[in-house]
């Protein structure tokens, strides 16, 4: 099972580029409806689940009753749900994010109010809390309309995430292969 989560630089680079491309679509084509976005996400989940099932069955990496990958099955189930009912998934997604923003904003407001007399940074925390709480109220007021409004913001976040992942993959690939003049080797260890 450990082999399923091992990252290599080729996969990291391809995931990063895909994240940047999806973020660019969200940012530069904001008129794309959220239903289309949910169908695209569902298609990606379904495709990824199928690939995981095929690869894990061939390589016998993770067996659950006959060489089926649990991760692949879950991805396929969620992919089918996203494809068959995208508008429901949009509303659930926005309501979920709205509730999280409300709670985060409330906690930040309470933290900022508790620190007002001690530090000037509390005003910044208070301002962030107000913005976060207001964002949660905005998302919960009309989940579908706010979903289309927030799409460019999500695109920018995805682009930044993809760029940071590219940077990390580049830094990992440039790790030194020697230490104090001798070659570095990864070895298995055994706890005694």
N, C-alpha and C. Protein backbone atom coordinates (compact mmCIF):
# COMPACT_ATOMS: atom_id res chain seq x y z
N UNK A 1 0.83 -1.19 0.00
CA UNK A 1 0.00 0.00 0.00
C UNK A 1 0.86 1.25 0.00
N UNK A 2 2.05 1.14 0.58
CA UNK A 2 2.93 2.29 0.64
C UNK A 2 3.30 2.79 -0.75
N UNK A 3 3.36 1.87 -1.73
CA UNK A 3 3.76 2.24 -3.09
C UNK A 3 2.74 3.14 -3.78
N UNK A 4 1.48 3.13 -3.34
CA UNK A 4 0.47 3.97 -3.97
C UNK A 4 0.72 5.45 -3.72
N UNK A 5 1.37 5.77 -2.60
CA UNK A 5 1.52 7.17 -2.22
C UNK A 5 2.92 7.71 -2.44
N UNK A 6 3.79 6.92 -3.05
CA UNK A 6 5.14 7.37 -3.34
C UNK A 6 5.08 8.36 -4.51
N UNK A 7 5.71 9.50 -4.32
CA UNK A 7 5.70 10.54 -5.35
C UNK A 7 7.02 10.54 -6.08
N UNK A 8 6.96 10.72 -7.38
CA UNK A 8 8.19 10.91 -8.12
C UNK A 8 8.08 12.22 -8.89
N UNK A 9 9.19 12.70 -9.39
CA UNK A 9 9.20 14.02 -9.98
C UNK A 9 8.37 14.10 -11.26
N UNK A 10 8.31 13.02 -12.05
CA UNK A 10 7.51 13.06 -13.27
C UNK A 10 6.03 13.21 -12.95
N UNK A 11 5.54 12.43 -11.97
CA UNK A 11 4.14 12.56 -11.57
C UNK A 11 3.87 13.91 -10.94
N UNK A 12 4.79 14.42 -10.15
CA UNK A 12 4.61 15.72 -9.52
C UNK A 12 4.52 16.82 -10.56
N UNK A 13 5.37 16.74 -11.56
CA UNK A 13 5.36 17.77 -12.61
C UNK A 13 4.08 17.70 -13.42
N UNK A 14 3.64 16.49 -13.78
CA UNK A 14 2.40 16.39 -14.57
C UNK A 14 1.19 16.83 -13.76
N UNK A 15 1.15 16.48 -12.46
CA UNK A 15 0.04 16.95 -11.61
C UNK A 15 0.07 18.46 -11.48
N UNK A 16 1.25 19.04 -11.34
CA UNK A 16 1.37 20.49 -11.20
C UNK A 16 0.91 21.21 -12.46
N UNK A 17 1.33 20.70 -13.61
CA UNK A 17 0.92 21.32 -14.88
C UNK A 17 -0.58 21.21 -15.07
N UNK A 18 -1.15 20.05 -14.74
CA UNK A 18 -2.60 19.87 -14.84
C UNK A 18 -3.33 20.83 -13.89
N UNK A 19 -2.82 21.01 -12.68
CA UNK A 19 -3.42 21.94 -11.72
C UNK A 19 -3.37 23.36 -12.24
N UNK A 20 -2.24 23.75 -12.83
CA UNK A 20 -2.11 25.11 -13.38
C UNK A 20 -3.08 25.31 -14.55
N UNK A 21 -3.21 24.30 -15.42
CA UNK A 21 -4.13 24.42 -16.55
C UNK A 21 -5.58 24.54 -16.09
N UNK A 22 -5.98 23.72 -15.13
CA UNK A 22 -7.35 23.80 -14.62
C UNK A 22 -7.59 25.15 -13.95
N UNK A 23 -6.61 25.61 -13.17
CA UNK A 23 -6.72 26.92 -12.55
C UNK A 23 -6.82 28.03 -13.58
N UNK A 24 -6.07 27.91 -14.68
CA UNK A 24 -6.16 28.91 -15.75
C UNK A 24 -7.53 28.94 -16.40
N UNK A 25 -8.12 27.77 -16.59
CA UNK A 25 -9.48 27.72 -17.16
C UNK A 25 -10.45 28.41 -16.21
N UNK A 26 -10.35 28.12 -14.91
CA UNK A 26 -11.25 28.75 -13.93
C UNK A 26 -11.05 30.26 -13.88
N UNK A 27 -9.79 30.70 -13.97
CA UNK A 27 -9.49 32.12 -13.83
C UNK A 27 -9.83 32.91 -15.09
N UNK A 28 -9.48 32.38 -16.25
CA UNK A 28 -9.63 33.15 -17.48
C UNK A 28 -10.94 32.89 -18.22
N UNK A 29 -11.67 31.86 -17.83
CA UNK A 29 -12.98 31.59 -18.42
C UNK A 29 -14.02 31.46 -17.32
N UNK A 30 -14.31 32.58 -16.62
CA UNK A 30 -15.21 32.50 -15.47
C UNK A 30 -16.66 32.20 -15.84
N UNK A 31 -17.00 32.29 -17.11
CA UNK A 31 -18.38 32.01 -17.51
C UNK A 31 -18.67 30.51 -17.60
N UNK A 32 -17.62 29.71 -17.42
CA UNK A 32 -17.83 28.27 -17.39
C UNK A 32 -18.72 27.97 -16.18
N UNK A 33 -19.79 27.28 -16.39
CA UNK A 33 -20.71 27.03 -15.28
C UNK A 33 -20.12 26.02 -14.31
N UNK A 34 -20.57 26.11 -13.10
CA UNK A 34 -20.10 25.18 -12.08
C UNK A 34 -20.55 23.75 -12.38
N UNK A 35 -21.68 23.61 -13.08
CA UNK A 35 -22.10 22.25 -13.46
C UNK A 35 -21.05 21.61 -14.36
N UNK A 36 -20.54 22.39 -15.30
CA UNK A 36 -19.50 21.88 -16.19
C UNK A 36 -18.25 21.53 -15.39
N UNK A 37 -17.91 22.37 -14.43
CA UNK A 37 -16.75 22.12 -13.59
C UNK A 37 -16.94 20.82 -12.81
N UNK A 38 -18.13 20.61 -12.25
CA UNK A 38 -18.39 19.39 -11.49
C UNK A 38 -18.34 18.15 -12.40
N UNK A 39 -18.83 18.29 -13.63
CA UNK A 39 -18.77 17.16 -14.58
C UNK A 39 -17.31 16.87 -14.94
N UNK A 40 -16.51 17.91 -15.12
CA UNK A 40 -15.08 17.72 -15.42
C UNK A 40 -14.39 17.04 -14.24
N UNK A 41 -14.66 17.52 -13.02
CA UNK A 41 -14.07 16.89 -11.84
C UNK A 41 -14.52 15.44 -11.74
N UNK A 42 -15.80 15.17 -12.00
CA UNK A 42 -16.30 13.80 -11.97
C UNK A 42 -15.62 12.93 -13.00
N UNK A 43 -15.41 13.47 -14.21
CA UNK A 43 -14.74 12.71 -15.26
C UNK A 43 -13.30 12.41 -14.87
N UNK A 44 -12.61 13.40 -14.28
CA UNK A 44 -11.24 13.16 -13.83
C UNK A 44 -11.20 12.10 -12.73
N UNK A 45 -12.15 12.17 -11.78
CA UNK A 45 -12.19 11.16 -10.72
C UNK A 45 -12.48 9.77 -11.28
N UNK A 46 -13.43 9.69 -12.21
CA UNK A 46 -13.78 8.41 -12.80
C UNK A 46 -12.61 7.83 -13.58
N UNK A 47 -11.94 8.66 -14.38
CA UNK A 47 -10.79 8.20 -15.15
C UNK A 47 -9.65 7.77 -14.23
N UNK A 48 -9.37 8.60 -13.22
CA UNK A 48 -8.32 8.24 -12.27
C UNK A 48 -8.63 6.95 -11.53
N UNK A 49 -9.89 6.74 -11.18
CA UNK A 49 -10.29 5.51 -10.51
C UNK A 49 -10.10 4.29 -11.39
N UNK A 50 -10.48 4.43 -12.67
CA UNK A 50 -10.28 3.31 -13.60
C UNK A 50 -8.80 2.99 -13.78
N UNK A 51 -7.98 4.01 -13.92
CA UNK A 51 -6.55 3.79 -14.09
C UNK A 51 -5.96 3.13 -12.84
N UNK A 52 -6.39 3.60 -11.67
CA UNK A 52 -5.90 3.00 -10.43
C UNK A 52 -6.29 1.53 -10.33
N UNK A 53 -7.53 1.22 -10.72
CA UNK A 53 -7.97 -0.18 -10.68
C UNK A 53 -7.15 -1.05 -11.62
N UNK A 54 -6.93 -0.56 -12.83
CA UNK A 54 -6.18 -1.33 -13.82
C UNK A 54 -4.73 -1.54 -13.36
N UNK A 55 -4.09 -0.45 -12.92
CA UNK A 55 -2.68 -0.55 -12.51
C UNK A 55 -2.54 -1.42 -11.27
N UNK A 56 -3.41 -1.23 -10.28
CA UNK A 56 -3.28 -2.01 -9.05
C UNK A 56 -3.60 -3.48 -9.30
N UNK A 57 -4.49 -3.75 -10.24
CA UNK A 57 -4.82 -5.14 -10.54
C UNK A 57 -3.66 -5.82 -11.27
N UNK A 58 -3.02 -5.08 -12.15
CA UNK A 58 -1.89 -5.65 -12.89
C UNK A 58 -0.67 -5.85 -12.01
N UNK A 59 -0.38 -4.84 -11.18
CA UNK A 59 0.82 -4.91 -10.36
C UNK A 59 0.57 -5.54 -9.00
N UNK A 60 -0.71 -5.79 -8.69
CA UNK A 60 -1.10 -6.38 -7.41
C UNK A 60 -0.51 -5.59 -6.24
N UNK A 61 -0.66 -4.23 -6.32
CA UNK A 61 -0.09 -3.38 -5.28
C UNK A 61 -0.93 -3.38 -4.01
N UNK A 62 -2.23 -3.40 -4.14
CA UNK A 62 -3.11 -3.23 -2.99
C UNK A 62 -4.32 -4.11 -3.21
N UNK A 63 -4.47 -5.15 -2.44
CA UNK A 63 -5.53 -6.09 -2.71
C UNK A 63 -6.66 -5.96 -1.71
N UNK A 64 -7.86 -5.89 -2.22
CA UNK A 64 -9.07 -5.93 -1.41
C UNK A 64 -10.03 -6.83 -2.15
N UNK A 65 -10.14 -8.07 -1.73
CA UNK A 65 -11.05 -9.05 -2.33
C UNK A 65 -10.86 -9.14 -3.85
N UNK A 66 -9.79 -9.68 -4.26
CA UNK A 66 -9.61 -9.93 -5.68
C UNK A 66 -8.86 -8.84 -6.41
N UNK A 67 -7.87 -8.26 -5.81
CA UNK A 67 -7.00 -7.28 -6.47
C UNK A 67 -7.70 -5.99 -6.85
N UNK A 68 -8.72 -5.59 -6.14
CA UNK A 68 -9.39 -4.31 -6.43
C UNK A 68 -8.82 -3.25 -5.51
N UNK A 69 -8.58 -2.09 -6.02
CA UNK A 69 -8.04 -0.99 -5.23
C UNK A 69 -9.19 -0.21 -4.61
N UNK A 70 -9.13 -0.04 -3.30
CA UNK A 70 -10.16 0.74 -2.60
C UNK A 70 -10.19 2.19 -3.04
N UNK A 71 -9.03 2.75 -3.27
CA UNK A 71 -8.94 4.13 -3.72
C UNK A 71 -9.57 4.28 -5.11
N UNK A 72 -9.32 3.34 -5.98
CA UNK A 72 -9.90 3.39 -7.32
C UNK A 72 -11.41 3.29 -7.29
N UNK A 73 -11.92 2.41 -6.45
CA UNK A 73 -13.38 2.25 -6.35
C UNK A 73 -14.02 3.53 -5.81
N UNK A 74 -13.43 4.12 -4.77
CA UNK A 74 -13.99 5.35 -4.20
C UNK A 74 -13.94 6.49 -5.22
N UNK A 75 -12.85 6.61 -5.96
CA UNK A 75 -12.77 7.65 -6.99
C UNK A 75 -13.85 7.46 -8.05
N UNK A 76 -14.09 6.21 -8.44
CA UNK A 76 -15.12 5.95 -9.44
C UNK A 76 -16.50 6.29 -8.91
N UNK A 77 -16.79 5.93 -7.66
CA UNK A 77 -18.10 6.24 -7.07
C UNK A 77 -18.32 7.75 -7.01
N UNK A 78 -17.32 8.48 -6.50
CA UNK A 78 -17.47 9.93 -6.44
C UNK A 78 -17.53 10.54 -7.84
N UNK A 79 -16.79 10.00 -8.78
CA UNK A 79 -16.85 10.50 -10.15
C UNK A 79 -18.24 10.34 -10.75
N UNK A 80 -18.87 9.18 -10.52
CA UNK A 80 -20.22 8.95 -11.04
C UNK A 80 -21.21 9.90 -10.38
N UNK A 81 -21.08 10.13 -9.07
CA UNK A 81 -21.98 11.06 -8.37
C UNK A 81 -21.81 12.47 -8.92
N UNK A 82 -20.57 12.90 -9.13
CA UNK A 82 -20.33 14.24 -9.67
C UNK A 82 -20.90 14.38 -11.08
N UNK A 83 -20.80 13.35 -11.90
CA UNK A 83 -21.28 13.43 -13.28
C UNK A 83 -22.80 13.39 -13.35
N UNK A 84 -23.42 12.53 -12.54
CA UNK A 84 -24.88 12.36 -12.64
C UNK A 84 -25.67 13.48 -11.98
N UNK A 85 -25.13 14.12 -10.97
CA UNK A 85 -25.88 15.20 -10.30
C UNK A 85 -24.97 16.37 -9.98
N UNK A 86 -24.51 17.09 -11.01
CA UNK A 86 -23.56 18.18 -10.76
C UNK A 86 -24.16 19.36 -9.99
N UNK A 87 -25.42 19.70 -10.23
CA UNK A 87 -25.98 20.87 -9.55
C UNK A 87 -26.12 20.62 -8.05
N UNK A 88 -26.45 19.38 -7.67
CA UNK A 88 -26.53 19.05 -6.25
C UNK A 88 -25.15 19.14 -5.63
N UNK A 89 -24.13 18.65 -6.33
CA UNK A 89 -22.77 18.68 -5.81
C UNK A 89 -22.27 20.12 -5.66
N UNK A 90 -22.67 21.02 -6.58
CA UNK A 90 -22.26 22.42 -6.47
C UNK A 90 -22.82 23.01 -5.19
N UNK A 91 -24.11 22.80 -4.95
CA UNK A 91 -24.73 23.37 -3.75
C UNK A 91 -24.15 22.77 -2.48
N UNK A 92 -23.92 21.47 -2.47
CA UNK A 92 -23.33 20.83 -1.29
C UNK A 92 -21.92 21.38 -1.05
N UNK A 93 -21.16 21.51 -2.13
CA UNK A 93 -19.79 22.01 -2.03
C UNK A 93 -19.77 23.43 -1.48
N UNK A 94 -20.62 24.29 -2.00
CA UNK A 94 -20.64 25.69 -1.56
C UNK A 94 -21.18 25.82 -0.13
N UNK A 95 -22.17 25.02 0.22
CA UNK A 95 -22.69 25.07 1.59
C UNK A 95 -21.62 24.60 2.57
N UNK A 96 -20.91 23.54 2.21
CA UNK A 96 -19.85 23.02 3.05
C UNK A 96 -18.75 24.07 3.26
N UNK A 97 -18.31 24.70 2.18
CA UNK A 97 -17.27 25.72 2.30
C UNK A 97 -17.79 26.94 3.07
N UNK A 98 -19.05 27.30 2.85
CA UNK A 98 -19.64 28.42 3.59
C UNK A 98 -19.66 28.18 5.09
N UNK A 99 -20.02 26.98 5.50
CA UNK A 99 -20.04 26.65 6.94
C UNK A 99 -18.63 26.70 7.51
N UNK A 100 -17.67 26.16 6.76
CA UNK A 100 -16.27 26.19 7.24
C UNK A 100 -15.79 27.63 7.38
N UNK A 101 -16.12 28.49 6.41
CA UNK A 101 -15.69 29.89 6.49
C UNK A 101 -16.37 30.61 7.65
N UNK A 102 -17.63 30.31 7.89
CA UNK A 102 -18.31 30.92 9.04
C UNK A 102 -17.63 30.55 10.35
N UNK A 103 -17.33 29.27 10.52
CA UNK A 103 -16.68 28.83 11.76
C UNK A 103 -15.28 29.42 11.91
N UNK A 104 -14.51 29.41 10.81
CA UNK A 104 -13.17 29.99 10.86
C UNK A 104 -13.22 31.47 11.17
N UNK A 105 -14.16 32.18 10.53
CA UNK A 105 -14.30 33.61 10.78
C UNK A 105 -14.70 33.91 12.21
N UNK A 106 -15.61 33.11 12.75
CA UNK A 106 -16.04 33.30 14.13
C UNK A 106 -14.87 33.08 15.10
N UNK A 107 -14.09 32.02 14.88
CA UNK A 107 -12.94 31.77 15.74
C UNK A 107 -11.89 32.88 15.63
N UNK A 108 -11.67 33.38 14.42
CA UNK A 108 -10.72 34.48 14.24
C UNK A 108 -11.21 35.76 14.89
N UNK A 109 -12.52 36.01 14.80
CA UNK A 109 -13.09 37.18 15.46
C UNK A 109 -12.91 37.09 16.98
N UNK A 110 -13.22 35.94 17.55
CA UNK A 110 -13.07 35.76 18.99
C UNK A 110 -11.60 35.89 19.41
N UNK A 111 -10.71 35.32 18.61
CA UNK A 111 -9.28 35.43 18.91
C UNK A 111 -8.79 36.87 18.82
N UNK A 112 -9.26 37.59 17.79
CA UNK A 112 -8.87 38.99 17.64
C UNK A 112 -9.41 39.86 18.75
N UNK A 113 -10.65 39.62 19.15
CA UNK A 113 -11.24 40.40 20.24
C UNK A 113 -10.53 40.12 21.56
N UNK A 114 -10.11 38.90 21.76
CA UNK A 114 -9.40 38.55 22.99
C UNK A 114 -8.01 39.15 23.07
N UNK A 115 -7.42 39.49 21.94
CA UNK A 115 -6.05 40.01 21.92
C UNK A 115 -5.97 41.51 21.67
N UNK A 116 -7.11 42.20 21.55
CA UNK A 116 -7.09 43.62 21.19
C UNK A 116 -6.28 44.47 22.16
N UNK A 117 -6.35 44.19 23.43
CA UNK A 117 -5.64 45.03 24.40
C UNK A 117 -4.16 44.67 24.50
N UNK A 118 -3.74 43.54 23.95
CA UNK A 118 -2.36 43.09 24.11
C UNK A 118 -1.43 43.44 22.95
N UNK A 119 -1.95 43.44 21.71
CA UNK A 119 -1.06 43.62 20.56
C UNK A 119 -1.81 44.32 19.43
N UNK A 120 -1.03 44.97 18.56
CA UNK A 120 -1.63 45.63 17.40
C UNK A 120 -1.99 44.64 16.30
N UNK A 121 -1.33 43.47 16.31
CA UNK A 121 -1.62 42.46 15.31
C UNK A 121 -3.04 41.92 15.45
N UNK A 122 -3.64 42.12 16.59
CA UNK A 122 -5.01 41.64 16.81
C UNK A 122 -5.98 42.34 15.86
N UNK A 123 -5.68 43.58 15.50
CA UNK A 123 -6.56 44.29 14.55
C UNK A 123 -6.54 43.61 13.18
N UNK A 124 -5.37 43.12 12.78
CA UNK A 124 -5.28 42.40 11.50
C UNK A 124 -6.04 41.09 11.60
N UNK A 125 -5.89 40.37 12.71
CA UNK A 125 -6.63 39.14 12.92
C UNK A 125 -8.13 39.41 12.94
N UNK A 126 -8.53 40.50 13.54
CA UNK A 126 -9.95 40.89 13.58
C UNK A 126 -10.47 41.19 12.18
N UNK A 127 -9.68 41.89 11.38
CA UNK A 127 -10.07 42.20 10.00
C UNK A 127 -10.19 40.92 9.17
N UNK A 128 -9.23 40.02 9.31
CA UNK A 128 -9.28 38.76 8.58
C UNK A 128 -10.51 37.96 9.02
N UNK A 129 -10.82 37.98 10.30
CA UNK A 129 -12.00 37.29 10.81
C UNK A 129 -13.29 37.84 10.22
N UNK A 130 -13.37 39.17 10.11
CA UNK A 130 -14.57 39.79 9.53
C UNK A 130 -14.71 39.39 8.06
N UNK A 131 -13.61 39.42 7.31
CA UNK A 131 -13.65 39.06 5.89
C UNK A 131 -14.02 37.58 5.73
N UNK A 132 -13.43 36.72 6.55
CA UNK A 132 -13.72 35.30 6.47
C UNK A 132 -15.18 35.02 6.82
N UNK A 133 -15.67 35.63 7.89
CA UNK A 133 -17.06 35.44 8.29
C UNK A 133 -18.01 35.96 7.21
N UNK A 134 -17.69 37.13 6.64
CA UNK A 134 -18.50 37.68 5.55
C UNK A 134 -18.50 36.79 4.32
N UNK A 135 -17.36 36.16 4.03
CA UNK A 135 -17.30 35.24 2.89
C UNK A 135 -18.20 34.04 3.12
N UNK A 136 -18.24 33.54 4.35
CA UNK A 136 -19.12 32.42 4.67
C UNK A 136 -20.58 32.79 4.51
N UNK A 137 -20.95 33.99 4.98
CA UNK A 137 -22.34 34.45 4.82
C UNK A 137 -22.67 34.60 3.35
N UNK A 138 -21.74 35.15 2.56
CA UNK A 138 -21.96 35.32 1.11
C UNK A 138 -22.19 33.98 0.43
N UNK A 139 -21.37 32.99 0.77
CA UNK A 139 -21.52 31.68 0.15
C UNK A 139 -22.83 31.01 0.53
N UNK A 140 -23.25 31.18 1.77
CA UNK A 140 -24.48 30.53 2.22
C UNK A 140 -25.74 31.26 1.76
N UNK A 141 -25.62 32.54 1.38
CA UNK A 141 -26.80 33.29 0.97
C UNK A 141 -27.41 32.76 -0.33
N UNK A 142 -26.57 32.46 -1.31
CA UNK A 142 -27.04 31.88 -2.57
C UNK A 142 -25.91 31.00 -3.11
N UNK A 143 -25.91 29.72 -2.72
CA UNK A 143 -24.75 28.87 -3.04
C UNK A 143 -24.43 28.77 -4.52
N UNK A 144 -25.45 28.69 -5.40
CA UNK A 144 -25.15 28.49 -6.81
C UNK A 144 -24.56 29.76 -7.43
N UNK A 145 -25.14 30.93 -7.12
CA UNK A 145 -24.62 32.18 -7.67
C UNK A 145 -23.23 32.49 -7.12
N UNK A 146 -23.04 32.23 -5.82
CA UNK A 146 -21.73 32.50 -5.25
C UNK A 146 -20.68 31.53 -5.77
N UNK A 147 -21.11 30.34 -6.20
CA UNK A 147 -20.17 29.39 -6.78
C UNK A 147 -19.58 29.94 -8.07
N UNK A 148 -20.41 30.54 -8.91
CA UNK A 148 -19.89 31.11 -10.16
C UNK A 148 -19.05 32.35 -9.90
N UNK A 149 -19.33 33.06 -8.81
CA UNK A 149 -18.54 34.24 -8.46
C UNK A 149 -17.17 33.85 -7.93
N UNK A 150 -17.12 32.76 -7.19
CA UNK A 150 -15.87 32.35 -6.55
C UNK A 150 -14.95 31.57 -7.49
N UNK A 151 -15.44 31.19 -8.65
CA UNK A 151 -14.66 30.38 -9.58
C UNK A 151 -13.32 31.02 -9.96
N UNK A 152 -13.25 32.31 -10.30
CA UNK A 152 -11.93 32.89 -10.60
C UNK A 152 -10.97 32.85 -9.41
N UNK A 153 -11.49 33.02 -8.21
CA UNK A 153 -10.66 32.94 -7.01
C UNK A 153 -10.08 31.54 -6.86
N UNK A 154 -10.91 30.52 -7.05
CA UNK A 154 -10.41 29.15 -6.99
C UNK A 154 -9.36 28.89 -8.07
N UNK A 155 -9.55 29.49 -9.25
CA UNK A 155 -8.57 29.35 -10.31
C UNK A 155 -7.22 29.91 -9.92
N UNK A 156 -7.23 31.09 -9.30
CA UNK A 156 -5.97 31.70 -8.86
C UNK A 156 -5.30 30.84 -7.79
N UNK A 157 -6.09 30.28 -6.87
CA UNK A 157 -5.53 29.41 -5.83
C UNK A 157 -4.91 28.16 -6.46
N UNK A 158 -5.60 27.57 -7.45
CA UNK A 158 -5.07 26.37 -8.12
C UNK A 158 -3.77 26.69 -8.85
N UNK A 159 -3.70 27.84 -9.51
CA UNK A 159 -2.47 28.22 -10.22
C UNK A 159 -1.32 28.37 -9.23
N UNK A 160 -1.56 29.05 -8.10
CA UNK A 160 -0.51 29.21 -7.09
C UNK A 160 -0.08 27.86 -6.52
N UNK A 161 -1.05 26.98 -6.29
CA UNK A 161 -0.73 25.65 -5.79
C UNK A 161 0.11 24.88 -6.80
N UNK A 162 -0.26 24.91 -8.07
CA UNK A 162 0.50 24.22 -9.11
C UNK A 162 1.91 24.75 -9.23
N UNK A 163 2.07 26.08 -9.16
CA UNK A 163 3.40 26.68 -9.24
C UNK A 163 4.25 26.26 -8.05
N UNK A 164 3.65 26.26 -6.86
CA UNK A 164 4.42 25.85 -5.68
C UNK A 164 4.80 24.38 -5.77
N UNK A 165 3.93 23.52 -6.31
CA UNK A 165 4.26 22.11 -6.47
C UNK A 165 5.37 21.92 -7.51
N UNK A 166 5.36 22.72 -8.58
CA UNK A 166 6.46 22.67 -9.55
C UNK A 166 7.78 23.06 -8.89
N UNK A 167 7.73 24.10 -8.07
CA UNK A 167 8.94 24.55 -7.38
C UNK A 167 9.47 23.46 -6.46
N UNK A 168 8.57 22.79 -5.72
CA UNK A 168 8.98 21.72 -4.81
C UNK A 168 9.58 20.56 -5.61
N UNK A 169 8.94 20.19 -6.73
CA UNK A 169 9.48 19.10 -7.56
C UNK A 169 10.86 19.47 -8.10
N UNK A 170 11.04 20.72 -8.48
CA UNK A 170 12.34 21.18 -8.98
C UNK A 170 13.39 21.12 -7.87
N UNK A 171 13.01 21.56 -6.66
CA UNK A 171 13.96 21.53 -5.54
C UNK A 171 14.34 20.09 -5.18
N UNK A 172 13.36 19.18 -5.21
CA UNK A 172 13.64 17.78 -4.88
C UNK A 172 14.57 17.16 -5.92
N UNK A 173 14.35 17.49 -7.19
CA UNK A 173 15.19 16.91 -8.24
C UNK A 173 16.62 17.45 -8.19
N UNK A 174 16.83 18.58 -7.55
CA UNK A 174 18.16 19.17 -7.46
C UNK A 174 18.88 18.83 -6.16
N UNK A 175 18.36 17.88 -5.41
CA UNK A 175 19.00 17.47 -4.16
C UNK A 175 20.40 16.93 -4.49
N UNK A 176 21.36 17.23 -3.65
CA UNK A 176 22.72 16.72 -3.92
C UNK A 176 22.76 15.20 -3.81
N UNK A 177 23.55 14.60 -4.70
CA UNK A 177 23.67 13.15 -4.73
C UNK A 177 24.89 12.68 -3.94
N UNK A 178 25.67 13.63 -3.42
CA UNK A 178 26.84 13.26 -2.61
C UNK A 178 26.80 14.02 -1.29
N UNK A 179 27.45 13.45 -0.30
CA UNK A 179 27.58 14.08 1.00
C UNK A 179 29.00 13.87 1.48
N UNK A 180 29.70 14.97 1.69
CA UNK A 180 31.11 14.93 2.11
C UNK A 180 31.95 14.06 1.19
N UNK A 181 31.69 14.17 -0.10
CA UNK A 181 32.51 13.49 -1.09
C UNK A 181 32.09 12.07 -1.43
N UNK A 182 31.18 11.47 -0.68
CA UNK A 182 30.77 10.10 -1.00
C UNK A 182 29.31 10.10 -1.47
N UNK A 183 28.99 9.09 -2.28
CA UNK A 183 27.65 8.99 -2.85
C UNK A 183 26.62 8.73 -1.76
N UNK A 184 25.44 9.35 -1.94
CA UNK A 184 24.32 9.15 -1.01
C UNK A 184 23.47 8.01 -1.54
N UNK A 185 23.14 7.06 -0.66
CA UNK A 185 22.30 5.95 -1.04
C UNK A 185 21.15 5.82 -0.06
N UNK A 186 19.97 5.55 -0.59
CA UNK A 186 18.82 5.23 0.26
C UNK A 186 18.89 3.76 0.60
N UNK A 187 18.82 3.45 1.86
CA UNK A 187 18.84 2.05 2.27
C UNK A 187 17.62 1.77 3.13
N UNK A 188 17.21 0.52 3.13
CA UNK A 188 16.12 0.10 4.01
C UNK A 188 16.71 -0.08 5.41
N UNK A 189 15.90 0.25 6.39
CA UNK A 189 16.35 0.06 7.75
C UNK A 189 15.40 -0.88 8.47
N UNK A 190 15.88 -1.40 9.54
CA UNK A 190 15.10 -2.33 10.31
C UNK A 190 15.17 -1.93 11.76
N UNK A 191 14.03 -1.76 12.42
CA UNK A 191 14.03 -1.42 13.83
C UNK A 191 14.30 -2.66 14.64
N UNK A 192 15.11 -2.48 15.65
CA UNK A 192 15.49 -3.62 16.50
C UNK A 192 14.71 -3.56 17.78
